[in-house]
Amino acid sequence: MKLIVTIILIFVIADVLIVGYVLFKRLRRKISKVLKEEVRETWKKIIHEPDHKYAILEADKLLDYALTRMGYKGSLGAKLKKTPTLFENINDVWAAHKVRNDIAHKINYRVDEKTYKATMLKFKQAFKDLKIF
């Protein structure tokens, strides 16, 4: 009887270790050097874009692209729900994404200089949090 309990205990411990390892690998997704450089170069182009609304749309798409390349699936909103611990302040990332949504969905939505700068700083911080910048 003790032998059966010992064998079952060994299997349970092995299962826990395997699940823990898989979860650790999933949560610790890294970004390649090539992708970092690609995102940095694209960011340089985006920040020199004179159309602020277009720049915000592109910054949002770039964040979505980076997370996709890191292995996350779904819309950017779905990715943000899966990755809150990747970001120092997930609420700032959500706020930047909300500005993007307002641009995309509200007729005649205006982006003033203050909103533009604040939004772009939030996107930049998101890339810093991902260790891209």
N, C-alpha and C. Protein backbone atom coordinates (compact mmCIF):
# COMPACT_ATOMS: atom_id res chain seq x y z
N MET A 1 0.81 -1.19 0.00
CA MET A 1 0.00 0.00 0.00
C MET A 1 0.86 1.26 0.00
N LYS A 2 1.93 1.24 0.80
CA LYS A 2 2.82 2.39 0.86
C LYS A 2 3.47 2.64 -0.50
N LEU A 3 3.77 1.59 -1.21
CA LEU A 3 4.41 1.71 -2.53
C LEU A 3 3.47 2.42 -3.51
N ILE A 4 2.22 2.09 -3.50
CA ILE A 4 1.24 2.71 -4.40
C ILE A 4 1.10 4.20 -4.06
N VAL A 5 1.02 4.52 -2.79
CA VAL A 5 0.90 5.91 -2.36
C VAL A 5 2.15 6.69 -2.78
N THR A 6 3.30 6.09 -2.63
CA THR A 6 4.56 6.73 -3.01
C THR A 6 4.60 6.98 -4.51
N ILE A 7 4.20 6.02 -5.30
CA ILE A 7 4.18 6.17 -6.77
C ILE A 7 3.20 7.27 -7.17
N ILE A 8 2.03 7.28 -6.59
CA ILE A 8 1.04 8.32 -6.90
C ILE A 8 1.58 9.70 -6.51
N LEU A 9 2.22 9.77 -5.36
CA LEU A 9 2.80 11.03 -4.91
C LEU A 9 3.89 11.52 -5.87
N ILE A 10 4.70 10.61 -6.36
CA ILE A 10 5.75 10.97 -7.34
C ILE A 10 5.12 11.51 -8.61
N PHE A 11 4.06 10.88 -9.10
CA PHE A 11 3.38 11.36 -10.30
C PHE A 11 2.74 12.73 -10.08
N VAL A 12 2.15 12.93 -8.93
CA VAL A 12 1.53 14.23 -8.63
C VAL A 12 2.60 15.32 -8.59
N ILE A 13 3.71 15.05 -7.94
CA ILE A 13 4.80 16.03 -7.88
C ILE A 13 5.35 16.31 -9.28
N ALA A 14 5.52 15.28 -10.07
CA ALA A 14 6.01 15.46 -11.44
C ALA A 14 5.04 16.31 -12.25
N ASP A 15 3.75 16.05 -12.11
CA ASP A 15 2.74 16.84 -12.82
C ASP A 15 2.80 18.31 -12.41
N VAL A 16 2.91 18.55 -11.12
CA VAL A 16 2.98 19.93 -10.63
C VAL A 16 4.22 20.63 -11.18
N LEU A 17 5.33 19.94 -11.21
CA LEU A 17 6.56 20.53 -11.74
C LEU A 17 6.44 20.83 -13.23
N ILE A 18 5.84 19.94 -13.98
CA ILE A 18 5.67 20.14 -15.42
C ILE A 18 4.74 21.32 -15.68
N VAL A 19 3.63 21.38 -14.99
CA VAL A 19 2.69 22.49 -15.16
C VAL A 19 3.36 23.81 -14.76
N GLY A 20 4.10 23.80 -13.68
CA GLY A 20 4.81 25.00 -13.24
C GLY A 20 5.82 25.46 -14.27
N TYR A 21 6.55 24.54 -14.86
CA TYR A 21 7.53 24.87 -15.88
C TYR A 21 6.86 25.47 -17.12
N VAL A 22 5.77 24.87 -17.56
CA VAL A 22 5.04 25.36 -18.73
C VAL A 22 4.52 26.77 -18.47
N LEU A 23 3.94 26.99 -17.31
CA LEU A 23 3.43 28.32 -16.97
C LEU A 23 4.56 29.34 -16.89
N PHE A 24 5.68 28.95 -16.33
CA PHE A 24 6.84 29.84 -16.24
C PHE A 24 7.31 30.24 -17.64
N LYS A 25 7.39 29.30 -18.54
CA LYS A 25 7.82 29.57 -19.91
C LYS A 25 6.84 30.49 -20.62
N ARG A 26 5.56 30.28 -20.41
CA ARG A 26 4.54 31.10 -21.05
C ARG A 26 4.59 32.54 -20.55
N LEU A 27 4.79 32.73 -19.27
CA LEU A 27 4.80 34.06 -18.69
C LEU A 27 6.10 34.81 -18.96
N ARG A 28 7.13 34.09 -19.31
CA ARG A 28 8.45 34.68 -19.50
C ARG A 28 8.81 34.75 -20.98
N ARG A 29 7.93 35.22 -21.80
CA ARG A 29 8.18 35.32 -23.23
C ARG A 29 9.16 36.45 -23.48
N LYS A 30 10.13 36.15 -24.29
CA LYS A 30 11.14 37.14 -24.60
C LYS A 30 10.92 37.67 -26.00
N ILE A 31 11.52 38.81 -26.25
CA ILE A 31 11.41 39.43 -27.56
C ILE A 31 12.79 39.35 -28.21
N SER A 32 12.83 38.96 -29.46
CA SER A 32 14.11 38.76 -30.14
C SER A 32 14.78 40.09 -30.44
N LYS A 33 16.08 40.05 -30.65
CA LYS A 33 16.84 41.25 -31.00
C LYS A 33 16.37 41.84 -32.33
N VAL A 34 16.04 40.97 -33.26
CA VAL A 34 15.56 41.42 -34.57
C VAL A 34 14.24 42.18 -34.41
N LEU A 35 13.34 41.63 -33.61
CA LEU A 35 12.06 42.29 -33.39
C LEU A 35 12.25 43.61 -32.66
N LYS A 36 13.15 43.63 -31.66
CA LYS A 36 13.42 44.89 -30.96
C LYS A 36 13.85 45.97 -31.94
N GLU A 37 14.77 45.61 -32.82
CA GLU A 37 15.28 46.60 -33.78
C GLU A 37 14.18 47.03 -34.75
N GLU A 38 13.37 46.09 -35.18
CA GLU A 38 12.27 46.41 -36.09
C GLU A 38 11.28 47.38 -35.42
N VAL A 39 10.94 47.12 -34.18
CA VAL A 39 10.01 47.98 -33.46
C VAL A 39 10.63 49.36 -33.23
N ARG A 40 11.90 49.40 -32.87
CA ARG A 40 12.57 50.69 -32.65
C ARG A 40 12.59 51.54 -33.91
N GLU A 41 12.92 50.91 -35.02
CA GLU A 41 12.96 51.65 -36.30
C GLU A 41 11.58 52.16 -36.69
N THR A 42 10.58 51.34 -36.51
CA THR A 42 9.21 51.76 -36.82
C THR A 42 8.78 52.89 -35.90
N TRP A 43 9.14 52.80 -34.62
CA TRP A 43 8.79 53.84 -33.67
C TRP A 43 9.40 55.18 -34.10
N LYS A 44 10.64 55.17 -34.55
CA LYS A 44 11.30 56.41 -35.00
C LYS A 44 10.50 57.07 -36.12
N LYS A 45 9.96 56.26 -37.01
CA LYS A 45 9.14 56.80 -38.10
C LYS A 45 7.83 57.36 -37.56
N ILE A 46 7.24 56.64 -36.62
CA ILE A 46 5.95 57.05 -36.07
C ILE A 46 6.05 58.40 -35.35
N ILE A 47 7.09 58.59 -34.56
CA ILE A 47 7.17 59.83 -33.79
C ILE A 47 7.47 61.05 -34.66
N HIS A 48 7.90 60.82 -35.88
CA HIS A 48 8.13 61.94 -36.80
C HIS A 48 6.94 62.18 -37.72
N GLU A 49 5.88 61.44 -37.50
CA GLU A 49 4.65 61.58 -38.29
C GLU A 49 3.95 62.88 -37.91
N PRO A 50 3.70 63.77 -38.88
CA PRO A 50 3.04 65.04 -38.54
C PRO A 50 1.55 64.90 -38.16
N ASP A 51 0.90 63.88 -38.64
CA ASP A 51 -0.53 63.66 -38.33
C ASP A 51 -0.62 62.90 -37.01
N HIS A 52 -1.02 63.60 -35.96
CA HIS A 52 -1.03 63.01 -34.62
C HIS A 52 -1.98 61.82 -34.51
N LYS A 53 -3.14 61.92 -35.13
CA LYS A 53 -4.09 60.81 -35.07
C LYS A 53 -3.50 59.56 -35.74
N TYR A 54 -2.88 59.75 -36.88
CA TYR A 54 -2.26 58.62 -37.58
C TYR A 54 -1.12 58.03 -36.74
N ALA A 55 -0.34 58.88 -36.10
CA ALA A 55 0.77 58.40 -35.27
C ALA A 55 0.26 57.54 -34.12
N ILE A 56 -0.82 57.96 -33.48
CA ILE A 56 -1.39 57.17 -32.38
C ILE A 56 -1.92 55.83 -32.88
N LEU A 57 -2.59 55.85 -34.02
CA LEU A 57 -3.07 54.60 -34.61
C LEU A 57 -1.90 53.65 -34.89
N GLU A 58 -0.83 54.18 -35.43
CA GLU A 58 0.34 53.36 -35.77
C GLU A 58 1.04 52.85 -34.51
N ALA A 59 1.13 53.68 -33.47
CA ALA A 59 1.75 53.24 -32.21
C ALA A 59 0.96 52.08 -31.60
N ASP A 60 -0.35 52.17 -31.65
CA ASP A 60 -1.21 51.11 -31.14
C ASP A 60 -1.00 49.82 -31.95
N LYS A 61 -0.94 49.96 -33.26
CA LYS A 61 -0.70 48.78 -34.11
C LYS A 61 0.67 48.17 -33.84
N LEU A 62 1.65 49.03 -33.57
CA LEU A 62 3.00 48.54 -33.30
C LEU A 62 3.04 47.75 -31.99
N LEU A 63 2.34 48.23 -30.97
CA LEU A 63 2.26 47.47 -29.72
C LEU A 63 1.57 46.14 -29.94
N ASP A 64 0.50 46.14 -30.69
CA ASP A 64 -0.21 44.91 -31.02
C ASP A 64 0.72 43.94 -31.75
N TYR A 65 1.47 44.47 -32.71
CA TYR A 65 2.41 43.65 -33.49
C TYR A 65 3.47 43.03 -32.58
N ALA A 66 4.04 43.83 -31.68
CA ALA A 66 5.09 43.32 -30.79
C ALA A 66 4.54 42.19 -29.91
N LEU A 67 3.37 42.39 -29.36
CA LEU A 67 2.77 41.34 -28.51
C LEU A 67 2.44 40.09 -29.32
N THR A 68 2.00 40.29 -30.56
CA THR A 68 1.73 39.13 -31.43
C THR A 68 3.01 38.35 -31.67
N ARG A 69 4.07 39.05 -31.98
CA ARG A 69 5.36 38.38 -32.23
C ARG A 69 5.92 37.72 -30.98
N MET A 70 5.47 38.19 -29.81
CA MET A 70 5.89 37.56 -28.56
C MET A 70 5.05 36.32 -28.27
N GLY A 71 4.03 36.06 -29.10
CA GLY A 71 3.26 34.83 -28.96
C GLY A 71 1.87 35.00 -28.41
N TYR A 72 1.44 36.23 -28.16
CA TYR A 72 0.10 36.46 -27.64
C TYR A 72 -0.89 36.55 -28.79
N LYS A 73 -2.09 36.05 -28.56
CA LYS A 73 -3.10 35.98 -29.62
C LYS A 73 -4.31 36.84 -29.28
N GLY A 74 -5.05 37.20 -30.33
CA GLY A 74 -6.28 37.96 -30.16
C GLY A 74 -6.09 39.43 -30.50
N SER A 75 -7.13 40.20 -30.22
CA SER A 75 -7.05 41.65 -30.43
C SER A 75 -6.09 42.25 -29.40
N LEU A 76 -5.75 43.51 -29.58
CA LEU A 76 -4.87 44.13 -28.59
C LEU A 76 -5.54 44.13 -27.22
N GLY A 77 -6.85 44.39 -27.18
CA GLY A 77 -7.56 44.34 -25.91
C GLY A 77 -7.44 42.98 -25.23
N ALA A 78 -7.60 41.92 -26.00
CA ALA A 78 -7.47 40.56 -25.45
C ALA A 78 -6.05 40.31 -24.96
N LYS A 79 -5.08 40.80 -25.71
CA LYS A 79 -3.67 40.62 -25.30
C LYS A 79 -3.39 41.36 -24.00
N LEU A 80 -3.92 42.58 -23.87
CA LEU A 80 -3.68 43.35 -22.65
C LEU A 80 -4.31 42.67 -21.44
N LYS A 81 -5.45 42.01 -21.64
CA LYS A 81 -6.08 41.28 -20.53
C LYS A 81 -5.21 40.11 -20.09
N LYS A 82 -4.47 39.52 -21.04
CA LYS A 82 -3.63 38.36 -20.73
C LYS A 82 -2.27 38.76 -20.16
N THR A 83 -1.87 40.04 -20.31
CA THR A 83 -0.51 40.43 -19.98
C THR A 83 -0.40 41.60 -19.00
N PRO A 84 -1.28 41.73 -18.05
CA PRO A 84 -1.21 42.93 -17.19
C PRO A 84 0.09 43.05 -16.41
N THR A 85 0.72 41.94 -16.09
CA THR A 85 1.95 42.00 -15.30
C THR A 85 3.17 42.38 -16.13
N LEU A 86 3.04 42.42 -17.45
CA LEU A 86 4.15 42.84 -18.29
C LEU A 86 4.39 44.34 -18.20
N PHE A 87 3.37 45.07 -17.79
CA PHE A 87 3.43 46.52 -17.83
C PHE A 87 3.44 47.11 -16.42
N GLU A 88 4.27 48.14 -16.25
CA GLU A 88 4.37 48.82 -14.97
C GLU A 88 3.02 49.42 -14.57
N ASN A 89 2.33 50.00 -15.55
CA ASN A 89 1.03 50.59 -15.29
C ASN A 89 0.07 50.20 -16.42
N ILE A 90 -0.61 49.11 -16.26
CA ILE A 90 -1.50 48.59 -17.30
C ILE A 90 -2.62 49.59 -17.60
N ASN A 91 -3.01 50.39 -16.61
CA ASN A 91 -4.07 51.37 -16.85
C ASN A 91 -3.64 52.44 -17.85
N ASP A 92 -2.36 52.80 -17.84
CA ASP A 92 -1.86 53.75 -18.84
C ASP A 92 -1.89 53.15 -20.24
N VAL A 93 -1.58 51.88 -20.34
CA VAL A 93 -1.62 51.22 -21.66
C VAL A 93 -3.07 51.17 -22.15
N TRP A 94 -3.98 50.85 -21.26
CA TRP A 94 -5.40 50.85 -21.62
C TRP A 94 -5.85 52.24 -22.04
N ALA A 95 -5.39 53.28 -21.34
CA ALA A 95 -5.78 54.65 -21.66
C ALA A 95 -5.28 55.04 -23.06
N ALA A 96 -4.06 54.65 -23.38
CA ALA A 96 -3.52 54.93 -24.72
C ALA A 96 -4.34 54.19 -25.78
N HIS A 97 -4.67 52.96 -25.50
CA HIS A 97 -5.47 52.17 -26.45
C HIS A 97 -6.88 52.78 -26.60
N LYS A 98 -7.42 53.34 -25.52
CA LYS A 98 -8.73 53.98 -25.59
C LYS A 98 -8.70 55.20 -26.51
N VAL A 99 -7.61 55.97 -26.46
CA VAL A 99 -7.48 57.11 -27.36
C VAL A 99 -7.48 56.61 -28.80
N ARG A 100 -6.79 55.52 -29.04
CA ARG A 100 -6.79 54.93 -30.39
C ARG A 100 -8.21 54.56 -30.80
N ASN A 101 -8.94 53.95 -29.88
CA ASN A 101 -10.32 53.55 -30.19
C ASN A 101 -11.20 54.77 -30.47
N ASP A 102 -10.99 55.83 -29.71
CA ASP A 102 -11.75 57.05 -29.95
C ASP A 102 -11.45 57.61 -31.34
N ILE A 103 -10.20 57.60 -31.73
CA ILE A 103 -9.83 58.07 -33.08
C ILE A 103 -10.51 57.21 -34.13
N ALA A 104 -10.47 55.92 -33.92
CA ALA A 104 -11.00 54.99 -34.93
C ALA A 104 -12.52 54.99 -35.02
N HIS A 105 -13.19 55.27 -33.91
CA HIS A 105 -14.64 55.06 -33.88
C HIS A 105 -15.50 56.32 -33.71
N LYS A 106 -14.91 57.41 -33.29
CA LYS A 106 -15.70 58.62 -33.09
C LYS A 106 -15.52 59.57 -34.28
N ILE A 107 -16.61 60.05 -34.80
CA ILE A 107 -16.57 60.97 -35.93
C ILE A 107 -15.99 62.30 -35.47
N ASN A 108 -15.08 62.83 -36.28
CA ASN A 108 -14.45 64.14 -36.04
C ASN A 108 -13.75 64.23 -34.68
N TYR A 109 -13.24 63.13 -34.19
CA TYR A 109 -12.50 63.14 -32.92
C TYR A 109 -11.22 63.94 -33.09
N ARG A 110 -10.97 64.86 -32.20
CA ARG A 110 -9.78 65.71 -32.28
C ARG A 110 -8.76 65.28 -31.23
N VAL A 111 -7.50 65.32 -31.64
CA VAL A 111 -6.40 65.02 -30.74
C VAL A 111 -5.60 66.30 -30.58
N ASP A 112 -5.67 66.90 -29.39
CA ASP A 112 -4.86 68.10 -29.17
C ASP A 112 -3.43 67.69 -28.82
N GLU A 113 -2.57 68.66 -28.75
CA GLU A 113 -1.14 68.41 -28.51
C GLU A 113 -0.91 67.70 -27.18
N LYS A 114 -1.65 68.12 -26.15
CA LYS A 114 -1.49 67.52 -24.81
C LYS A 114 -1.88 66.04 -24.84
N THR A 115 -3.00 65.73 -25.45
CA THR A 115 -3.46 64.34 -25.55
C THR A 115 -2.47 63.51 -26.36
N TYR A 116 -2.01 64.09 -27.45
CA TYR A 116 -1.04 63.38 -28.30
C TYR A 116 0.21 63.02 -27.51
N LYS A 117 0.79 64.00 -26.85
CA LYS A 117 2.04 63.76 -26.11
C LYS A 117 1.84 62.74 -24.98
N ALA A 118 0.75 62.89 -24.24
CA ALA A 118 0.48 61.96 -23.13
C ALA A 118 0.29 60.54 -23.64
N THR A 119 -0.44 60.42 -24.73
CA THR A 119 -0.72 59.09 -25.30
C THR A 119 0.56 58.44 -25.82
N MET A 120 1.36 59.21 -26.52
CA MET A 120 2.60 58.66 -27.07
C MET A 120 3.58 58.29 -25.96
N LEU A 121 3.60 59.05 -24.88
CA LEU A 121 4.45 58.69 -23.74
C LEU A 121 3.99 57.38 -23.11
N LYS A 122 2.69 57.16 -23.08
CA LYS A 122 2.17 55.90 -22.53
C LYS A 122 2.55 54.72 -23.41
N PHE A 123 2.47 54.91 -24.73
CA PHE A 123 2.90 53.83 -25.63
C PHE A 123 4.41 53.59 -25.47
N LYS A 124 5.19 54.67 -25.39
CA LYS A 124 6.64 54.52 -25.23
C LYS A 124 6.97 53.75 -23.96
N GLN A 125 6.27 54.07 -22.87
CA GLN A 125 6.50 53.35 -21.61
C GLN A 125 6.14 51.88 -21.75
N ALA A 126 5.10 51.58 -22.51
CA ALA A 126 4.72 50.18 -22.74
C ALA A 126 5.87 49.44 -23.42
N PHE A 127 6.49 50.08 -24.40
CA PHE A 127 7.63 49.43 -25.08
C PHE A 127 8.83 49.30 -24.15
N LYS A 128 9.02 50.27 -23.27
CA LYS A 128 10.08 50.16 -22.26
C LYS A 128 9.81 48.98 -21.33
N ASP A 129 8.55 48.85 -20.92
CA ASP A 129 8.17 47.75 -20.04
C ASP A 129 8.42 46.39 -20.69
N LEU A 130 8.27 46.34 -22.02
CA LEU A 130 8.53 45.10 -22.76
C LEU A 130 10.02 44.91 -23.03
N LYS A 131 10.84 45.85 -22.55
CA LYS A 131 12.29 45.81 -22.72
C LYS A 131 12.71 45.96 -24.18
N ILE A 132 11.92 46.75 -24.92
CA ILE A 132 12.24 47.03 -26.33
C ILE A 132 13.06 48.32 -26.40
N PHE A 133 12.70 49.29 -25.57
CA PHE A 133 13.47 50.56 -25.52
C PHE A 133 14.32 50.57 -24.27
